[in-house]
Amino acid sequence: MNTAGASRPYADPYLAGIGLGLVLLTAFVVVGRGLGASGAYASTAAGTVALVAPGKATASPLFSHYLSGQGPWLEWQSVELVGVLVGGWLSAALAGRLSVSIERSSSVGSQQRLILAFGGGLLMAVGAALARGCTSGQALTAGALLSVGGWLFLGTAFAAAYAVAPLLRKVWQ
């Protein structure tokens, strides 16, 4: 799918950062919770396991947390993630960037790029499980709450990005 035509320039990063801060503030005011994504996957997994093996789901300390209250399918982060998908699609459509393509360098094939992307996503999921929160939860929500863990995560993430970026830049060109 490609709507072709001239795409609009990307948003100013400083204005986008202010907008993201306002979205975070609105989330705290309206629903009393910050932003995050990894909980949506755990909630979906809890709901899926509860459908297949209800006894196993309720016995699991992780899944039972998501089965109480309003249930796994109405968990705040699941609703938030649907909003992110719809908003991302709408933003791309309005900016003229709606297309199906694989972003990659000329030195990396499509299949290799997809395998690397899947491996990176899997590594991030393991990291989020170990850290008890994903990048958005640790950096945005925990950082906004002045959590020491959130600020340690931010410093470590930026240090790692500065260390690895030159290597990835060589591969990407």
Foldseek 3Di string as FASTA:
>chain_A
DAPDDAFADDDDVVVVVVVLLVVQVCCCVPVVAGAAALLLVLLVVLVVCCVVPVVVSCPDPSSVVQCPDPGSCVPPNNVVVVVVVVVVQVVCVVRRNDDDDQQAAPQDDPVRSVVVVVVVVVVQSVVCVVLVGGLCCLQPVCVVVVHPSSVVVVVVVVVVCVVCVVVVVVRRD
